[in-house]
Protein backbone atom coordinates (compact mmCIF):
# COMPACT_ATOMS: atom_id res chain seq x y z
CA UNK A 1 0.00 0.00 0.00
CA UNK A 2 2.86 2.38 0.84
CA UNK A 3 4.37 1.82 -2.62
CA UNK A 4 1.03 2.56 -4.30
CA UNK A 5 0.61 5.80 -2.31
CA UNK A 6 4.17 6.88 -3.13
CA UNK A 7 3.56 6.17 -6.84
CA UNK A 8 0.34 8.19 -6.75
CA UNK A 9 2.02 11.12 -5.00
CA UNK A 10 4.99 11.02 -7.38
CA UNK A 11 2.79 11.12 -10.50
CA UNK A 12 0.53 13.81 -9.06
CA UNK A 13 3.43 16.10 -8.17
CA UNK A 14 5.09 15.57 -11.56
CA UNK A 15 1.84 16.21 -13.44
CA UNK A 16 1.14 19.50 -11.65
CA UNK A 17 4.71 20.70 -12.24
CA UNK A 18 4.45 20.00 -15.97
CA UNK A 19 4.13 22.94 -18.35
CA UNK A 20 1.13 21.14 -19.89
CA UNK A 21 -0.91 21.69 -16.73
CA UNK A 22 -0.39 25.45 -16.82
CA UNK A 23 -0.62 25.69 -20.62
CA UNK A 24 -4.08 24.10 -20.60
CA UNK A 25 -4.98 26.55 -17.83
CA UNK A 26 -4.15 29.41 -20.18
CA UNK A 27 -6.29 27.78 -22.87
CA UNK A 28 -9.15 27.63 -20.37
CA UNK A 29 -8.75 31.34 -19.56
CA UNK A 30 -8.83 32.17 -23.28
CA UNK A 31 -11.97 30.07 -23.83
CA UNK A 32 -13.59 31.63 -20.77
CA UNK A 33 -12.90 35.09 -22.18
CA UNK A 34 -14.46 33.96 -25.44
CA UNK A 35 -17.55 32.82 -23.52
CA UNK A 36 -17.98 36.35 -22.17
CA UNK A 37 -17.87 37.67 -25.72
CA UNK A 38 -20.48 35.13 -26.86
CA UNK A 39 -22.65 36.00 -23.85
CA UNK A 40 -22.76 39.64 -24.89
CA UNK A 41 -23.90 38.62 -28.37
CA UNK A 42 -26.66 36.32 -27.07
CA UNK A 43 -29.56 38.60 -26.25
CA UNK A 44 -31.97 36.94 -23.82
CA UNK A 45 -29.83 33.81 -23.47
CA UNK A 46 -26.70 35.35 -22.01
CA UNK A 47 -26.80 33.39 -18.73
CA UNK A 48 -27.38 30.00 -20.38
CA UNK A 49 -24.68 30.66 -22.99
CA UNK A 50 -22.17 31.67 -20.31
CA UNK A 51 -22.84 28.50 -18.31
CA UNK A 52 -22.67 26.32 -21.42
CA UNK A 53 -19.43 27.74 -22.78
CA UNK A 54 -17.81 27.88 -19.32
CA UNK A 55 -18.43 24.16 -18.74
CA UNK A 56 -17.36 23.33 -22.29
CA UNK A 57 -14.15 25.31 -21.73
CA UNK A 58 -13.39 23.23 -18.63
CA UNK A 59 -14.03 19.99 -20.51
CA UNK A 60 -12.02 20.84 -23.63
CA UNK A 61 -9.00 22.18 -21.74
CA UNK A 62 -9.00 19.23 -19.33
CA UNK A 63 -9.22 16.80 -22.27
CA UNK A 64 -6.10 18.44 -23.72
CA UNK A 65 -4.42 18.05 -20.33
CA UNK A 66 -5.21 14.32 -20.34
CA UNK A 67 -4.26 13.70 -23.96
CA UNK A 68 -0.96 15.57 -23.91
CA UNK A 69 0.03 15.57 -20.23
CA UNK A 70 -0.42 11.86 -19.56
CA UNK A 71 0.91 10.74 -22.95
CA UNK A 72 4.00 12.97 -22.93
CA UNK A 73 4.82 12.03 -19.35
CA UNK A 74 4.43 8.31 -20.05
CA UNK A 75 6.63 8.31 -23.15
CA UNK A 76 9.22 10.64 -21.62
CA UNK A 77 9.72 8.14 -18.80
CA UNK A 78 10.08 5.42 -21.40
CA UNK A 79 12.62 7.31 -23.55
CA UNK A 80 14.70 8.52 -20.60
CA UNK A 81 14.80 5.04 -19.02
CA UNK A 82 13.03 6.39 -15.93
CA UNK A 83 10.42 3.70 -16.39
CA UNK A 84 13.04 1.01 -15.85
CA UNK A 85 14.09 2.70 -12.61
CA UNK A 86 10.49 2.87 -11.40
CA UNK A 87 9.82 -0.75 -12.37
CA UNK A 88 12.82 -1.85 -10.34
CA UNK A 89 10.97 -0.53 -7.28
CA UNK A 90 7.29 -0.81 -8.24
CA UNK A 91 5.47 -3.82 -9.65
CA UNK A 92 3.79 -3.41 -13.05
CA UNK A 93 0.37 -3.12 -11.42
CA UNK A 94 1.55 -0.58 -8.82
CA UNK A 95 3.32 1.49 -11.46
CA UNK A 96 0.18 1.70 -13.58
CA UNK A 97 -2.26 2.26 -10.73
CA UNK A 98 -0.03 5.04 -9.42
CA UNK A 99 0.01 6.70 -12.82
CA UNK A 100 -3.76 6.28 -13.30
CA UNK A 101 -4.85 7.54 -9.88
CA UNK A 102 -2.20 10.27 -10.03
CA UNK A 103 -3.71 11.65 -13.22
CA UNK A 104 -7.23 11.24 -11.88
CA UNK A 105 -6.18 13.46 -8.98
CA UNK A 106 -4.61 15.94 -11.39
CA UNK A 107 -7.89 16.06 -13.34
CA UNK A 108 -9.81 16.54 -10.08
CA UNK A 109 -7.52 19.40 -9.02
CA UNK A 110 -7.71 21.00 -12.47
CA UNK A 111 -11.50 20.70 -12.75
CA UNK A 112 -11.94 22.04 -9.20
CA UNK A 113 -9.73 25.09 -9.81
CA UNK A 114 -11.26 25.93 -13.20
CA UNK A 115 -14.78 25.41 -11.81
CA UNK A 116 -14.11 27.91 -9.03
CA UNK A 117 -12.81 30.44 -11.56
CA UNK A 118 -15.77 29.83 -13.87
CA UNK A 119 -18.17 30.07 -10.93
CA UNK A 120 -16.71 33.44 -9.97
CA UNK A 121 -17.05 34.76 -13.52
CA UNK A 122 -20.63 33.50 -13.71
CA UNK A 123 -21.43 35.09 -10.34
CA UNK A 124 -20.07 38.45 -11.48
CA UNK A 125 -22.28 38.21 -14.59
CA UNK A 126 -25.43 37.14 -12.67
CA UNK A 127 -25.36 33.73 -14.36
CA UNK A 128 -24.27 31.51 -11.47
CA UNK A 129 -26.24 28.43 -10.45
CA UNK A 130 -24.91 25.91 -7.93
CA UNK A 131 -25.75 23.14 -10.43
CA UNK A 132 -22.71 24.33 -12.39
CA UNK A 133 -20.59 22.36 -9.92
CA UNK A 134 -22.66 19.26 -10.67
CA UNK A 135 -21.85 19.86 -14.33
CA UNK A 136 -18.17 20.00 -13.38
CA UNK A 137 -18.55 16.72 -11.52
CA UNK A 138 -19.95 15.15 -14.69
CA UNK A 139 -16.95 16.49 -16.62
CA UNK A 140 -14.59 14.94 -14.08
CA UNK A 141 -16.35 11.58 -14.36
CA UNK A 142 -16.22 11.65 -18.15
CA UNK A 143 -12.56 12.61 -18.32
CA UNK A 144 -11.68 10.03 -15.66
CA UNK A 145 -12.74 7.39 -18.16
CA UNK A 146 -10.56 8.95 -20.83
CA UNK A 147 -7.61 9.03 -18.42
CA UNK A 148 -7.86 5.25 -18.23
CA UNK A 149 -8.34 4.96 -22.00
CA UNK A 150 -5.35 7.23 -22.62
CA UNK A 151 -3.18 5.07 -20.35
CA UNK A 152 -4.41 1.99 -22.23
CA UNK A 153 -3.41 3.45 -25.60
CA UNK A 154 -0.08 4.67 -24.20
CA UNK A 155 0.70 1.12 -23.08
CA UNK A 156 -0.49 -0.33 -26.39
CA UNK A 157 1.28 1.91 -28.91
CA UNK A 158 4.97 2.66 -29.31
CA UNK A 159 4.42 6.23 -30.52
CA UNK A 160 2.87 9.09 -28.50
CA UNK A 161 1.10 10.55 -31.54
CA UNK A 162 -0.88 7.32 -32.03
CA UNK A 163 -1.87 7.26 -28.35
CA UNK A 164 -3.00 10.91 -28.43
CA UNK A 165 -4.97 10.60 -31.67
CA UNK A 166 -6.61 7.35 -30.53
CA UNK A 167 -7.72 8.97 -27.27
CA UNK A 168 -9.22 11.93 -29.13
CA UNK A 169 -11.06 9.61 -31.53
CA UNK A 170 -12.35 7.56 -28.58
CA UNK A 171 -13.64 10.79 -27.02
CA UNK A 172 -15.39 11.83 -30.24
CA UNK A 173 -16.85 8.33 -30.68
CA UNK A 174 -18.12 8.34 -27.10
CA UNK A 175 -19.76 11.73 -27.65
CA UNK A 176 -21.60 10.74 -30.83
CA UNK A 177 -22.19 7.01 -30.24
CA UNK A 178 -25.72 7.50 -28.91
CA UNK A 179 -26.83 9.56 -31.91
CA UNK A 180 -25.23 7.03 -34.26
CA UNK A 181 -27.06 4.21 -32.47
CA UNK A 182 -30.41 6.00 -32.88
CA UNK A 183 -29.79 6.41 -36.62
CA UNK A 184 -28.77 2.78 -37.10
CA UNK A 185 -31.68 1.49 -34.96
CA UNK A 186 -34.11 2.25 -37.80
CA UNK A 187 -32.04 0.15 -40.21
CA UNK A 188 -33.43 -3.17 -41.44
CA UNK A 189 -29.98 -4.73 -41.29
CA UNK A 190 -29.97 -6.84 -38.11
CA UNK A 191 -26.18 -7.26 -38.16
CA UNK A 192 -25.61 -3.50 -38.36
CA UNK A 193 -28.01 -2.88 -35.46
CA UNK A 194 -26.36 -5.52 -33.26
CA UNK A 195 -22.85 -4.36 -34.17
CA UNK A 196 -23.52 -0.71 -33.37
CA UNK A 197 -25.35 -1.66 -30.18
CA UNK A 198 -22.32 -3.67 -29.09
CA UNK A 199 -20.03 -0.79 -30.07
CA UNK A 200 -22.18 1.68 -28.13
CA UNK A 201 -21.91 -0.37 -24.93
CA UNK A 202 -18.18 -0.94 -25.47
CA UNK A 203 -17.47 2.78 -25.83
CA UNK A 204 -17.90 5.10 -22.84
CA UNK A 205 -21.53 6.27 -22.84
CA UNK A 206 -20.86 10.01 -22.64
CA UNK A 207 -24.56 10.78 -23.04
CA UNK A 208 -25.31 9.09 -19.70
CA UNK A 209 -22.53 10.87 -17.80
CA UNK A 210 -22.87 14.39 -19.18
CA UNK A 211 -24.52 16.73 -16.68
CA UNK A 212 -23.94 19.98 -18.60
CA UNK A 213 -27.55 20.31 -19.75
CA UNK A 214 -28.76 19.94 -16.15
CA UNK A 215 -26.27 22.58 -15.03
CA UNK A 216 -27.13 25.05 -17.79
CA UNK A 217 -30.85 25.05 -16.97
CA UNK A 218 -30.61 24.55 -13.21
CA UNK A 219 -31.94 20.99 -13.16
CA UNK A 220 -30.83 18.83 -10.24
CA UNK A 221 -30.44 15.11 -11.04
CA UNK A 222 -31.53 12.57 -8.45
CA UNK A 223 -29.07 11.08 -5.97
CA UNK A 224 -29.76 7.64 -7.45
CA UNK A 225 -28.72 8.90 -10.89
CA UNK A 226 -25.50 10.45 -9.55
CA UNK A 227 -24.60 7.24 -7.70
CA UNK A 228 -25.35 5.10 -10.77
CA UNK A 229 -23.16 7.13 -13.16
CA UNK A 230 -20.35 7.22 -10.57
CA UNK A 231 -20.55 3.43 -10.27
CA UNK A 232 -20.59 3.08 -14.07
CA UNK A 233 -17.42 5.19 -14.36
CA UNK A 234 -15.70 3.22 -11.59
CA UNK A 235 -16.47 -0.13 -13.27
CA UNK A 236 -15.36 1.16 -16.67
CA UNK A 237 -12.07 2.47 -15.26
CA UNK A 238 -11.49 -0.81 -13.41
CA UNK A 239 -12.09 -2.84 -16.57
CA UNK A 240 -9.78 -0.58 -18.61
CA UNK A 241 -7.10 -0.72 -15.91
CA UNK A 242 -6.96 -4.52 -15.86
CA UNK A 243 -6.80 -4.55 -19.66
CA UNK A 244 -3.94 -2.03 -19.52
CA UNK A 245 -2.01 -4.19 -17.03
CA UNK A 246 -2.33 -7.23 -19.30
CA UNK A 247 -1.10 -5.28 -22.34
CA UNK A 248 1.73 -3.64 -20.38
CA UNK A 249 3.00 -6.95 -18.97
CA UNK A 250 2.80 -8.60 -22.38
CA UNK A 251 4.83 -5.79 -24.01
CA UNK A 252 7.41 -5.64 -21.22
CA UNK A 253 8.06 -9.36 -21.55
């Protein structure tokens, strides 16, 4: 347990010190400024637009943090032989769980900080609703899944560009899988319907986790719903983690 905690702390400290963490913060500030501009142009819908763009800014910038921060850190350790040093002290499973939970904590810290900044801006523009923080929680849950997927692709591929692109495509697929399933469901091709239904359940169901719409219009989801999506995310991350360990061990041997 001590080794796992030390691995988590090590990865968290390294991730926060990275330039990527602060660079994505600057991107968030830019997008937040853009949201203020859009709010001024949206007559009658200024508050809803501000909440929508603020939450979207948090999600997009945090996705960039995951895609580039985790991938670059993982491959830098590999190229500099730091990974071999760590693996001489940590087991494969401990090394990966430390990296995964470390980046989950980084995402939590990043989402919390940006949510507080966004909440302040919304408050100053009379657009604040406490449900905005529930929307941020949904963003954290969604990006937690993509942390685990990003680690999976980083362990699978030998090149960081492939891992980054694959994570972005997985994110896009997860966002649009529900709409694609609805389109295919009217098809008369049974194989196509079954295939896309299987693909929908295999991909992270972003439509079930996303709480931005609730936050924008001040709708509070039930406690049962919040618990169920949290449990779904936990199970998905656990499944992805075990798959990552199997791939990592296979490649290392």
